[in-house]
Amino acid sequence: MAPPARRRSGYWLLVIPTVAPLLTPLYDRADPALWGVPFFYWYQMACVLLAMLIIAGVHLRNRRQEFGR
């Protein structure tokens, strides 16, 4: 008999870093600039940082559930 499937949660959060960079009309502009960097570029870098945080959070949450912590 197979062991019961463990419920993994938080995977729906991975939609955010996937969809945010695809919304090009939202960030297709130069203003507001941040330290001289146009919005187009710093929005993409913010998406990268957001993706790293969300992926790490989902991973740690599922890892704790897997090991029962």
N, C-alpha and C. Protein backbone atom coordinates (compact mmCIF):
# COMPACT_ATOMS: atom_id res chain seq x y z
N MET A 1 0.84 -1.17 0.00
CA MET A 1 0.00 0.00 0.00
C MET A 1 0.89 1.24 0.00
N ALA A 2 0.57 2.20 -0.86
CA ALA A 2 1.36 3.42 -1.00
C ALA A 2 1.09 4.36 0.18
N PRO A 3 2.11 5.09 0.59
CA PRO A 3 1.89 6.06 1.68
C PRO A 3 0.96 7.18 1.21
N PRO A 4 0.24 7.81 2.15
CA PRO A 4 -0.67 8.88 1.75
C PRO A 4 0.09 10.06 1.14
N ALA A 5 -0.51 10.67 0.15
CA ALA A 5 0.12 11.82 -0.51
C ALA A 5 0.17 13.00 0.45
N ARG A 6 1.28 13.64 0.50
CA ARG A 6 1.41 14.81 1.36
C ARG A 6 0.91 16.03 0.60
N ARG A 7 0.19 16.85 1.31
CA ARG A 7 -0.37 18.05 0.69
C ARG A 7 0.68 19.15 0.68
N ARG A 8 1.00 19.62 -0.49
CA ARG A 8 1.95 20.72 -0.64
C ARG A 8 1.15 22.00 -0.82
N SER A 9 1.49 23.02 -0.11
CA SER A 9 0.73 24.26 -0.21
C SER A 9 1.63 25.40 -0.66
N GLY A 10 1.00 26.41 -1.16
CA GLY A 10 1.71 27.60 -1.55
C GLY A 10 2.13 27.65 -2.99
N TYR A 11 1.89 26.59 -3.74
CA TYR A 11 2.29 26.59 -5.15
C TYR A 11 1.56 27.65 -5.95
N TRP A 12 0.37 28.06 -5.51
CA TRP A 12 -0.36 29.09 -6.25
C TRP A 12 0.39 30.42 -6.21
N LEU A 13 1.26 30.62 -5.22
CA LEU A 13 2.05 31.86 -5.15
C LEU A 13 3.04 31.97 -6.30
N LEU A 14 3.40 30.86 -6.92
CA LEU A 14 4.35 30.88 -8.02
C LEU A 14 3.76 31.52 -9.27
N VAL A 15 2.47 31.75 -9.28
CA VAL A 15 1.83 32.44 -10.41
C VAL A 15 2.27 33.90 -10.45
N ILE A 16 2.50 34.50 -9.30
CA ILE A 16 2.85 35.92 -9.23
C ILE A 16 4.14 36.23 -9.97
N PRO A 17 5.28 35.55 -9.68
CA PRO A 17 6.49 35.89 -10.43
C PRO A 17 6.46 35.42 -11.88
N THR A 18 5.52 34.56 -12.22
CA THR A 18 5.39 34.13 -13.60
C THR A 18 4.63 35.16 -14.43
N VAL A 19 3.58 35.72 -13.86
CA VAL A 19 2.71 36.65 -14.59
C VAL A 19 3.23 38.08 -14.57
N ALA A 20 3.83 38.51 -13.49
CA ALA A 20 4.25 39.91 -13.34
C ALA A 20 5.14 40.40 -14.49
N PRO A 21 6.16 39.65 -14.93
CA PRO A 21 6.97 40.15 -16.05
C PRO A 21 6.25 40.09 -17.40
N LEU A 22 5.18 39.33 -17.47
CA LEU A 22 4.44 39.23 -18.74
C LEU A 22 3.50 40.39 -18.97
N LEU A 23 3.30 41.22 -17.97
CA LEU A 23 2.40 42.37 -18.08
C LEU A 23 3.16 43.57 -18.65
N THR A 24 3.71 43.42 -19.83
CA THR A 24 4.55 44.45 -20.44
C THR A 24 3.87 45.82 -20.54
N PRO A 25 2.60 45.92 -20.92
CA PRO A 25 2.00 47.27 -20.99
C PRO A 25 2.02 48.00 -19.65
N LEU A 26 2.11 47.27 -18.56
CA LEU A 26 2.14 47.88 -17.24
C LEU A 26 3.45 48.64 -17.00
N TYR A 27 4.55 48.13 -17.51
CA TYR A 27 5.85 48.74 -17.21
C TYR A 27 6.60 49.22 -18.45
N ASP A 28 5.93 49.40 -19.56
CA ASP A 28 6.55 49.87 -20.79
C ASP A 28 6.62 51.41 -20.79
N ARG A 29 7.46 51.94 -19.90
CA ARG A 29 7.64 53.39 -19.80
C ARG A 29 8.96 53.68 -19.10
N ALA A 30 9.40 54.91 -19.20
CA ALA A 30 10.69 55.29 -18.61
C ALA A 30 10.52 55.91 -17.23
N ASP A 31 9.40 56.56 -16.99
CA ASP A 31 9.18 57.24 -15.71
C ASP A 31 8.28 56.42 -14.82
N PRO A 32 8.46 56.37 -13.55
CA PRO A 32 9.43 57.10 -12.74
C PRO A 32 10.79 56.41 -12.72
N ALA A 33 11.82 57.19 -12.80
CA ALA A 33 13.18 56.67 -12.74
C ALA A 33 13.60 56.54 -11.28
N LEU A 34 14.40 55.54 -11.01
CA LEU A 34 14.92 55.31 -9.66
C LEU A 34 16.43 55.36 -9.73
N TRP A 35 17.05 56.40 -9.14
CA TRP A 35 18.49 56.64 -9.21
C TRP A 35 18.97 56.69 -10.66
N GLY A 36 18.17 57.26 -11.54
CA GLY A 36 18.54 57.41 -12.95
C GLY A 36 18.24 56.19 -13.80
N VAL A 37 17.75 55.12 -13.20
CA VAL A 37 17.42 53.90 -13.94
C VAL A 37 15.95 53.96 -14.34
N PRO A 38 15.64 53.83 -15.64
CA PRO A 38 14.24 53.89 -16.07
C PRO A 38 13.38 52.79 -15.43
N PHE A 39 12.11 53.09 -15.29
CA PHE A 39 11.15 52.17 -14.66
C PHE A 39 11.17 50.80 -15.34
N PHE A 40 11.30 50.78 -16.65
CA PHE A 40 11.30 49.52 -17.41
C PHE A 40 12.32 48.54 -16.85
N TYR A 41 13.51 49.03 -16.51
CA TYR A 41 14.58 48.15 -16.03
C TYR A 41 14.44 47.81 -14.55
N TRP A 42 14.12 48.81 -13.72
CA TRP A 42 14.07 48.48 -12.30
C TRP A 42 12.84 47.67 -11.95
N TYR A 43 11.78 47.75 -12.75
CA TYR A 43 10.62 46.87 -12.52
C TYR A 43 11.01 45.42 -12.76
N GLN A 44 11.77 45.18 -13.81
CA GLN A 44 12.20 43.80 -14.11
C GLN A 44 13.12 43.27 -13.01
N MET A 45 14.00 44.11 -12.50
CA MET A 45 14.87 43.67 -11.41
C MET A 45 14.06 43.42 -10.14
N ALA A 46 13.03 44.23 -9.91
CA ALA A 46 12.15 44.00 -8.77
C ALA A 46 11.41 42.67 -8.92
N CYS A 47 11.02 42.35 -10.15
CA CYS A 47 10.36 41.06 -10.41
C CYS A 47 11.29 39.89 -10.10
N VAL A 48 12.57 40.04 -10.42
CA VAL A 48 13.55 38.99 -10.13
C VAL A 48 13.67 38.79 -8.62
N LEU A 49 13.79 39.89 -7.87
CA LEU A 49 13.89 39.79 -6.41
C LEU A 49 12.62 39.20 -5.80
N LEU A 50 11.47 39.63 -6.30
CA LEU A 50 10.20 39.08 -5.83
C LEU A 50 10.11 37.58 -6.10
N ALA A 51 10.53 37.17 -7.29
CA ALA A 51 10.51 35.75 -7.63
C ALA A 51 11.41 34.95 -6.70
N MET A 52 12.60 35.47 -6.40
CA MET A 52 13.51 34.76 -5.50
C MET A 52 12.89 34.59 -4.12
N LEU A 53 12.26 35.64 -3.61
CA LEU A 53 11.64 35.56 -2.29
C LEU A 53 10.47 34.57 -2.27
N ILE A 54 9.63 34.63 -3.28
CA ILE A 54 8.46 33.74 -3.31
C ILE A 54 8.88 32.29 -3.48
N ILE A 55 9.82 32.03 -4.38
CA ILE A 55 10.26 30.65 -4.60
C ILE A 55 10.92 30.10 -3.34
N ALA A 56 11.75 30.90 -2.69
CA ALA A 56 12.39 30.44 -1.44
C ALA A 56 11.35 30.19 -0.36
N GLY A 57 10.36 31.07 -0.26
CA GLY A 57 9.31 30.88 0.74
C GLY A 57 8.49 29.63 0.51
N VAL A 58 8.11 29.38 -0.73
CA VAL A 58 7.34 28.17 -1.05
C VAL A 58 8.18 26.92 -0.78
N HIS A 59 9.45 26.97 -1.15
CA HIS A 59 10.33 25.83 -0.92
C HIS A 59 10.47 25.53 0.57
N LEU A 60 10.74 26.57 1.37
CA LEU A 60 10.92 26.35 2.80
C LEU A 60 9.64 25.86 3.46
N ARG A 61 8.51 26.40 3.03
CA ARG A 61 7.23 25.97 3.60
C ARG A 61 6.96 24.49 3.30
N ASN A 62 7.19 24.09 2.08
CA ASN A 62 6.95 22.69 1.71
C ASN A 62 7.99 21.76 2.33
N ARG A 63 9.20 22.27 2.52
CA ARG A 63 10.23 21.45 3.15
C ARG A 63 9.88 21.18 4.61
N ARG A 64 9.36 22.21 5.30
CA ARG A 64 8.95 22.02 6.70
C ARG A 64 7.81 21.02 6.79
N GLN A 65 6.86 21.09 5.86
CA GLN A 65 5.72 20.17 5.89
C GLN A 65 6.20 18.74 5.61
N GLU A 66 7.20 18.60 4.74
CA GLU A 66 7.68 17.27 4.39
C GLU A 66 8.36 16.60 5.56
N PHE A 67 9.13 17.37 6.32
CA PHE A 67 9.86 16.80 7.44
C PHE A 67 9.14 16.95 8.77
N GLY A 68 7.92 17.49 8.72
CA GLY A 68 7.11 17.58 9.92
C GLY A 68 7.58 18.61 10.92
N ARG A 69 8.19 19.66 10.46
CA ARG A 69 8.67 20.72 11.37
C ARG A 69 7.73 21.86 11.40
